[in-house]
C-alpha atoms as a PDB file:
ATOM      1  CA  MET A   1       0.124  -0.047  -0.092  1.00  0.00           C
ATOM      2  CA  ALA A   2       2.978   2.435   0.944  1.00  0.00           C
ATOM      3  CA  ALA A   3       4.367   1.588  -2.329  1.00  0.00           C
ATOM      4  CA  ILE A   4       1.051   2.642  -4.199  1.00  0.00           C
ATOM      5  CA  ARG A   5       0.483   5.629  -2.314  1.00  0.00           C
ATOM      6  CA  LEU A   6       4.182   7.040  -3.244  1.00  0.00           C
ATOM      7  CA  THR A   7       3.521   6.033  -6.944  1.00  0.00           C
ATOM      8  CA  LEU A   8       0.330   8.077  -6.807  1.00  0.00           C
ATOM      9  CA  THR A   9       2.176  10.910  -5.105  1.00  0.00           C
ATOM     10  CA  LEU A  10       5.066  10.831  -7.788  1.00  0.00           C
ATOM     11  CA  LYS A  11       2.329  10.892 -10.356  1.00  0.00           C
ATOM     12  CA  ALA A  12       0.642  13.835  -9.188  1.00  0.00           C
ATOM     13  CA  LEU A  13       3.629  15.843  -8.599  1.00  0.00           C
ATOM     14  CA  LEU A  14       4.674  14.939 -12.135  1.00  0.00           C
ATOM     15  CA  CYS A  15       1.518  16.217 -13.492  1.00  0.00           C
ATOM     16  CA  THR A  16       1.555  19.621 -11.408  1.00  0.00           C
ATOM     17  CA  ALA A  17       5.126  20.080 -12.610  1.00  0.00           C
ATOM     18  CA  VAL A  18       3.959  19.539 -16.287  1.00  0.00           C
ATOM     19  CA  ALA A  19       0.798  21.574 -15.699  1.00  0.00           C
ATOM     20  CA  LEU A  20       3.155  24.596 -14.465  1.00  0.00           C
ATOM     21  CA  LEU A  21       5.564  24.168 -17.434  1.00  0.00           C
ATOM     22  CA  VAL A  22       2.772  24.233 -19.676  1.00  0.00           C
ATOM     23  CA  ALA A  23       1.381  27.516 -18.149  1.00  0.00           C
ATOM     24  CA  ALA A  24       4.769  29.183 -18.118  1.00  0.00           C
ATOM     25  CA  VAL A  25       5.121  28.623 -21.978  1.00  0.00           C
ATOM     26  CA  TRP A  26       1.666  29.816 -22.640  1.00  0.00           C
ATOM     27  CA  THR A  27       2.183  32.778 -20.701  1.00  0.00           C
ATOM     28  CA  GLN A  28       5.464  33.836 -22.462  1.00  0.00           C
ATOM     29  CA  PRO A  29       5.280  36.756 -25.169  1.00  0.00           C
ATOM     30  CA  ALA A  30       5.326  35.052 -28.808  1.00  0.00           C
ATOM     31  CA  SER A  31       6.179  36.322 -32.303  1.00  0.00           C
ATOM     32  CA  ALA A  32       3.200  36.765 -34.346  1.00  0.00           C
ATOM     33  CA  TRP A  33       4.617  36.758 -37.979  1.00  0.00           C
ATOM     34  CA  THR A  34       2.128  36.458 -40.667  1.00  0.00           C
ATOM     35  CA  TRP A  35       3.657  33.900 -43.001  1.00  0.00           C
ATOM     36  CA  ALA A  36       3.160  32.295 -46.446  1.00  0.00           C
ATOM     37  CA  LYS A  37       5.706  29.586 -46.930  1.00  0.00           C
ATOM     38  CA  GLY A  38       6.701  27.436 -49.978  1.00  0.00           C
ATOM     39  CA  VAL A  39       4.415  28.993 -52.444  1.00  0.00           C
ATOM     40  CA  THR A  40       5.088  27.819 -55.940  1.00  0.00           C
ATOM     41  CA  VAL A  41       5.541  30.562 -58.372  1.00  0.00           C
ATOM     42  CA  TYR A  42       6.903  28.600 -61.450  1.00  0.00           C
ATOM     43  CA  ASN A  43       6.769  24.960 -62.521  1.00  0.00           C
ATOM     44  CA  GLY A  44       8.086  24.268 -65.948  1.00  0.00           C
ATOM     45  CA  PRO A  45      10.572  21.994 -67.702  1.00  0.00           C
ATOM     46  CA  GLY A  46      13.356  21.094 -65.462  1.00  0.00           C
ATOM     47  CA  LEU A  47      12.722  23.921 -62.855  1.00  0.00           C
ATOM     48  CA  CYS A  48      10.343  24.762 -59.959  1.00  0.00           C
ATOM     49  CA  VAL A  49      10.605  27.969 -58.151  1.00  0.00           C
ATOM     50  CA  ARG A  50       8.984  28.559 -54.591  1.00  0.00           C
ATOM     51  CA  GLY A  51       9.295  31.575 -52.276  1.00  0.00           C
ATOM     52  CA  ASP A  52       8.523  32.532 -48.837  1.00  0.00           C
ATOM     53  CA  ALA A  53       7.054  36.029 -47.710  1.00  0.00           C
ATOM     54  CA  GLY A  54       6.483  37.361 -44.015  1.00  0.00           C
ATOM     55  CA  ILE A  55       5.656  40.433 -42.131  1.00  0.00           C
ATOM     56  CA  ASP A  56       5.858  41.458 -38.627  1.00  0.00           C
ATOM     57  CA  HIS A  57       5.384  44.630 -36.751  1.00  0.00           C
ATOM     58  CA  LYS A  58       6.540  45.921 -33.166  1.00  0.00           C
ATOM     59  CA  ARG A  59       3.793  45.490 -30.425  1.00  0.00           C
ATOM     60  CA  PRO A  60       4.096  46.386 -26.926  1.00  0.00           C
ATOM     61  CA  GLY A  61       4.750  43.531 -24.716  1.00  0.00           C
ATOM     62  CA  VAL A  62       5.101  40.980 -27.407  1.00  0.00           C
ATOM     63  CA  MET A  63       8.439  39.437 -28.762  1.00  0.00           C
ATOM     64  CA  SER A  64       8.190  41.319 -32.304  1.00  0.00           C
ATOM     65  CA  ASN A  65       9.926  43.909 -34.657  1.00  0.00           C
ATOM     66  CA  ASN A  66       9.161  45.777 -38.042  1.00  0.00           C
ATOM     67  CA  LEU A  67      10.500  43.101 -40.265  1.00  0.00           C
ATOM     68  CA  ALA A  68       9.800  41.894 -43.703  1.00  0.00           C
ATOM     69  CA  TYR A  69      10.966  38.673 -45.213  1.00  0.00           C
ATOM     70  CA  SER A  70      11.627  36.791 -48.593  1.00  0.00           C
ATOM     71  CA  GLN A  71      13.271  33.778 -49.821  1.00  0.00           C
ATOM     72  CA  THR A  72      13.588  31.827 -52.940  1.00  0.00           C
ATOM     73  CA  TYR A  73      14.080  28.104 -53.560  1.00  0.00           C
ATOM     74  CA  ALA A  74      15.012  26.244 -56.726  1.00  0.00           C
ATOM     75  CA  LEU A  75      13.746  22.664 -56.981  1.00  0.00           C
ATOM     76  CA  THR A  76      13.553  19.948 -59.577  1.00  0.00           C
ATOM     77  CA  GLN A  77      10.542  19.727 -62.109  1.00  0.00           C
ATOM     78  CA  GLY A  78       7.347  18.954 -60.332  1.00  0.00           C
ATOM     79  CA  CYS A  79       8.698  20.659 -57.269  1.00  0.00           C
ATOM     80  CA  GLY A  80      10.504  17.487 -55.920  1.00  0.00           C
ATOM     81  CA  THR A  81      13.706  18.112 -54.037  1.00  0.00           C
ATOM     82  CA  GLY A  82      16.063  21.293 -53.755  1.00  0.00           C
ATOM     83  CA  LEU A  83      17.949  22.094 -56.886  1.00  0.00           C
ATOM     84  CA  SER A  84      21.718  23.032 -57.017  1.00  0.00           C
ATOM     85  CA  ARG A  85      22.382  26.604 -58.986  1.00  0.00           C
ATOM     86  CA  PRO A  86      25.353  28.645 -58.498  1.00  0.00           C
ATOM     87  CA  ASP A  87      25.654  31.751 -56.711  1.00  0.00           C
ATOM     88  CA  GLY A  88      23.867  34.584 -58.370  1.00  0.00           C
ATOM     89  CA  TRP A  89      21.154  32.235 -60.051  1.00  0.00           C
ATOM     90  CA  ALA A  90      18.582  32.879 -57.728  1.00  0.00           C
ATOM     91  CA  ALA A  91      17.141  36.227 -56.379  1.00  0.00           C
ATOM     92  CA  THR A  92      14.778  37.554 -53.925  1.00  0.00           C
ATOM     93  CA  ARG A  93      13.230  40.899 -52.802  1.00  0.00           C
ATOM     94  CA  ALA A  94      10.904  42.106 -50.114  1.00  0.00           C
ATOM     95  CA  THR A  95       8.446  44.786 -51.038  1.00  0.00           C
ATOM     96  CA  VAL A  96       6.089  46.098 -48.133  1.00  0.00           C
ATOM     97  CA  TYR A  97       2.580  47.308 -49.080  1.00  0.00           C
ATOM     98  CA  HIS A  98       0.367  49.704 -47.089  1.00  0.00           C
ATOM     99  CA  TRP A  99      -3.562  49.506 -47.491  1.00  0.00           C
ATOM    100  CA  ASN A 100      -4.716  53.181 -48.088  1.00  0.00           C
ATOM    101  CA  GLY A 101      -8.429  52.344 -47.714  1.00  0.00           C
ATOM    102  CA  SER A 102      -9.148  51.574 -51.152  1.00  0.00           C
ATOM    103  CA  ALA A 103      -6.036  50.016 -52.595  1.00  0.00           C
ATOM    104  CA  TRP A 104      -2.607  48.510 -51.931  1.00  0.00           C
ATOM    105  CA  THR A 105       0.473  51.024 -52.375  1.00  0.00           C
ATOM    106  CA  VAL A 106       4.157  50.487 -51.916  1.00  0.00           C
ATOM    107  CA  CYS A 107       5.554  51.713 -48.782  1.00  0.00           C
ATOM    108  CA  ARG A 108       9.079  50.381 -48.667  1.00  0.00           C
ATOM    109  CA  ALA A 109      11.296  48.020 -50.667  1.00  0.00           C
ATOM    110  CA  SER A 110      14.539  46.278 -50.215  1.00  0.00           C
ATOM    111  CA  ASN A 111      17.188  45.815 -52.773  1.00  0.00           C
ATOM    112  CA  TRP A 112      17.532  42.525 -54.713  1.00  0.00           C
ATOM    113  CA  LYS A 113      19.546  39.788 -52.877  1.00  0.00           C
ATOM    114  CA  TYR A 114      21.134  37.060 -55.013  1.00  0.00           C
ATOM    115  CA  GLY A 115      22.426  33.770 -53.971  1.00  0.00           C
ATOM    116  CA  ALA A 116      23.037  29.983 -54.717  1.00  0.00           C
ATOM    117  CA  THR A 117      20.300  27.396 -54.189  1.00  0.00           C
ATOM    118  CA  GLY A 118      20.406  23.613 -53.111  1.00  0.00           C
ATOM    119  CA  GLN A 119      19.325  20.908 -50.984  1.00  0.00           C
ATOM    120  CA  THR A 120      20.119  20.250 -47.139  1.00  0.00           C
ATOM    121  CA  GLY A 121      20.564  16.560 -45.974  1.00  0.00           C
ATOM    122  CA  GLY A 122      20.622  14.963 -42.368  1.00  0.00           C
ATOM    123  CA  GLN A 123      17.770  14.672 -40.276  1.00  0.00           C
ATOM    124  CA  PHE A 124      15.738  17.817 -41.711  1.00  0.00           C
ATOM    125  CA  PRO A 125      16.445  17.708 -45.411  1.00  0.00           C
ATOM    126  CA  GLY A 126      14.816  20.720 -47.416  1.00  0.00           C
ATOM    127  CA  PRO A 127      15.819  23.201 -50.160  1.00  0.00           C
ATOM    128  CA  TRP A 128      17.620  26.474 -49.370  1.00  0.00           C
ATOM    129  CA  GLY A 129      18.103  29.723 -51.207  1.00  0.00           C
ATOM    130  CA  PRO A 130      18.919  33.340 -50.947  1.00  0.00           C
ATOM    131  CA  GLY A 131      16.717  35.206 -48.069  1.00  0.00           C
ATOM    132  CA  LEU A 132      16.751  38.184 -46.363  1.00  0.00           C
ATOM    133  CA  VAL A 133      15.137  40.044 -43.689  1.00  0.00           C
ATOM    134  CA  PHE A 134      14.263  44.030 -44.063  1.00  0.00           C
ATOM    135  CA  ASP A 135      13.522  46.506 -41.554  1.00  0.00           C
ATOM    136  CA  TRP A 136      10.651  48.311 -42.910  1.00  0.00           C
ATOM    137  CA  GLY A 137      10.204  51.005 -39.998  1.00  0.00           C
ATOM    138  CA  GLY A 138       6.776  49.940 -38.746  1.00  0.00           C
ATOM    139  CA  TRP A 139       3.433  52.203 -38.962  1.00  0.00           C
ATOM    140  CA  GLN A 140       5.642  55.544 -38.854  1.00  0.00           C
ATOM    141  CA  SER A 141       6.929  54.629 -42.341  1.00  0.00           C
ATOM    142  CA  CYS A 142       3.368  55.037 -44.289  1.00  0.00           C
ATOM    143  CA  GLY A 143       0.946  55.545 -41.137  1.00  0.00           C
ATOM    144  CA  GLN A 144      -1.163  53.142 -39.310  1.00  0.00           C
ATOM    145  CA  GLY A 145      -3.110  50.620 -41.107  1.00  0.00           C
ATOM    146  CA  TYR A 146      -2.774  47.108 -42.699  1.00  0.00           C
ATOM    147  CA  TYR A 147       0.563  46.285 -44.001  1.00  0.00           C
ATOM    148  CA  GLY A 148       1.895  43.055 -45.878  1.00  0.00           C
ATOM    149  CA  THR A 149       5.070  41.945 -47.950  1.00  0.00           C
ATOM    150  CA  LEU A 150       5.177  40.893 -51.579  1.00  0.00           C
ATOM    151  CA  ALA A 151       8.198  38.686 -51.930  1.00  0.00           C
ATOM    152  CA  ALA A 152       9.583  38.364 -55.258  1.00  0.00           C
ATOM    153  CA  ALA A 153      11.167  34.892 -55.966  1.00  0.00           C
ATOM    154  CA  TYR A 154      13.101  34.145 -59.183  1.00  0.00           C
ATOM    155  CA  VAL A 155      15.633  31.662 -60.365  1.00  0.00           C
ATOM    156  CA  TRP A 156      17.719  31.883 -63.571  1.00  0.00           C
ATOM    157  CA  ASP A 157      17.293  28.937 -65.772  1.00  0.00           C
ATOM    158  CA  GLY A 158      20.085  29.687 -68.173  1.00  0.00           C
ATOM    159  CA  SER A 159      18.121  31.737 -70.552  1.00  0.00           C
ATOM    160  CA  ALA A 160      15.626  33.660 -68.475  1.00  0.00           C
ATOM    161  CA  TRP A 161      14.372  34.547 -65.104  1.00  0.00           C
ATOM    162  CA  ARG A 162      11.413  32.059 -63.878  1.00  0.00           C
ATOM    163  CA  GLY A 163       9.330  33.058 -60.689  1.00  0.00           C
ATOM    164  CA  GLY A 164       6.664  35.363 -59.339  1.00  0.00           C
ATOM    165  CA  GLY A 165       5.438  37.014 -56.268  1.00  0.00           C
ATOM    166  CA  VAL A 166       4.416  35.560 -53.132  1.00  0.00           C
ATOM    167  CA  TRP A 167       1.977  37.582 -50.731  1.00  0.00           C
ATOM    168  CA  SER A 168       2.548  37.296 -46.834  1.00  0.00           C
ATOM    169  CA  GLY A 169      -1.057  38.159 -45.994  1.00  0.00           C
ATOM    170  CA  TYR A 170      -1.464  41.278 -43.868  1.00  0.00           C
ATOM    171  CA  GLU A 171      -1.120  42.686 -40.329  1.00  0.00           C
ATOM    172  CA  TYR A 172      -2.400  46.101 -38.807  1.00  0.00           C
ATOM    173  CA  ALA A 173       0.123  48.141 -37.358  1.00  0.00           C
ATOM    174  CA  SER A 174      -0.373  51.370 -35.253  1.00  0.00           C
ATOM    175  CA  PRO A 175       1.059  53.044 -32.170  1.00  0.00           C
ATOM    176  CA  THR A 176      -0.798  50.433 -29.837  1.00  0.00           C
ATOM    177  CA  SER A 177      -1.046  47.689 -32.312  1.00  0.00           C
ATOM    178  CA  PHE A 178      -4.804  47.659 -32.093  1.00  0.00           C
ATOM    179  CA  HIS A 179      -7.339  47.806 -35.055  1.00  0.00           C
ATOM    180  CA  GLY A 180      -8.996  51.062 -35.803  1.00  0.00           C
ATOM    181  CA  ALA A 181     -12.652  50.731 -35.025  1.00  0.00           C
ATOM    182  CA  ARG A 182     -13.453  52.051 -38.603  1.00  0.00           C
ATOM    183  CA  GLU A 183     -10.683  50.605 -40.426  1.00  0.00           C
ATOM    184  CA  LYS A 184     -12.127  47.800 -42.856  1.00  0.00           C
ATOM    185  CA  ALA A 185      -9.823  44.978 -43.629  1.00  0.00           C
ATOM    186  CA  PRO A 186      -8.677  44.716 -47.164  1.00  0.00           C
ATOM    187  CA  GLU A 187     -10.518  42.302 -49.402  1.00  0.00           C
ATOM    188  CA  LEU A 188      -7.855  42.030 -51.985  1.00  0.00           C
ATOM    189  CA  ALA A 189      -4.235  41.350 -52.323  1.00  0.00           C
ATOM    190  CA  PRO A 190      -1.642  43.019 -54.564  1.00  0.00           C
ATOM    191  CA  SER A 191      -0.974  41.670 -57.861  1.00  0.00           C
ATOM    192  CA  GLN A 192       1.890  39.137 -57.529  1.00  0.00           C
ATOM    193  CA  ARG A 193       3.117  40.053 -60.922  1.00  0.00           C
ATOM    194  CA  ILE A 194       6.583  41.222 -60.098  1.00  0.00           C
ATOM    195  CA  ALA A 195       8.929  42.138 -62.883  1.00  0.00           C
ATOM    196  CA  PRO A 196      12.388  39.943 -62.439  1.00  0.00           C
ATOM    197  CA  PRO A 197      15.787  41.574 -61.666  1.00  0.00           C
ATOM    198  CA  THR A 198      17.055  43.694 -64.644  1.00  0.00           C
ATOM    199  CA  VAL A 199      20.304  41.766 -64.820  1.00  0.00           C
ATOM    200  CA  HIS A 200      20.989  38.189 -65.485  1.00  0.00           C
ATOM    201  CA  PRO A 201      24.005  36.084 -64.042  1.00  0.00           C
ATOM    202  CA  LYS A 202      26.410  36.152 -66.867  1.00  0.00           C
ATOM    203  CA  LYS A 203      26.112  40.111 -66.877  1.00  0.00           C
ATOM    204  CA  ARG A 204      26.771  40.301 -63.262  1.00  0.00           C
ATOM    205  CA  GLU A 205      29.667  38.151 -63.446  1.00  0.00           C
ATOM    206  CA  ARG A 206      31.223  40.405 -66.097  1.00  0.00           C
ATOM    207  CA  ALA A 207      30.593  43.542 -63.902  1.00  0.00           C
ATOM    208  CA  ARG A 208      32.758  41.952 -61.119  1.00  0.00           C
END
């Protein structure tokens, strides 16, 4: 009987410890990025292009910051595994849009970032490619309201850039981070038709 009571006591203590741990985790501040990940923007002969887009804004008492994110991946035809492409053959860019009440307008944009692509191995395999984190300045940049990131994801196939845009979704940014009582949420997203880089890898190599 003593052994049974000891076992029950230990189980009760363990349950209490787990409950306290869960409560502690849930009460910690959390980042609230709005993401779109692994969106296919091109799938053609010998090449699939995917991209990520993200938006975050600084909120009082929450682990957050005024950041936009974009990344580009090259995969095999049919969007299988990561495809190896040399440095400069993939490009990404983050453009932050602001909703003015009737349309999306460009607020701020990063420069193009170029890089290589490939496939990681090990326990967590997956494609990799150039990515960037861009400080867009928060609601002070273009006023309080809804903001989102349109990421450009392009890969050079040897003769042309292939890819397009990825929309992150939107967040409301203001001094308090609370929605304005009369602010209607956007019903549309910006056009995902983004112009590719104006240079290609061969021209970039000659310019070095």
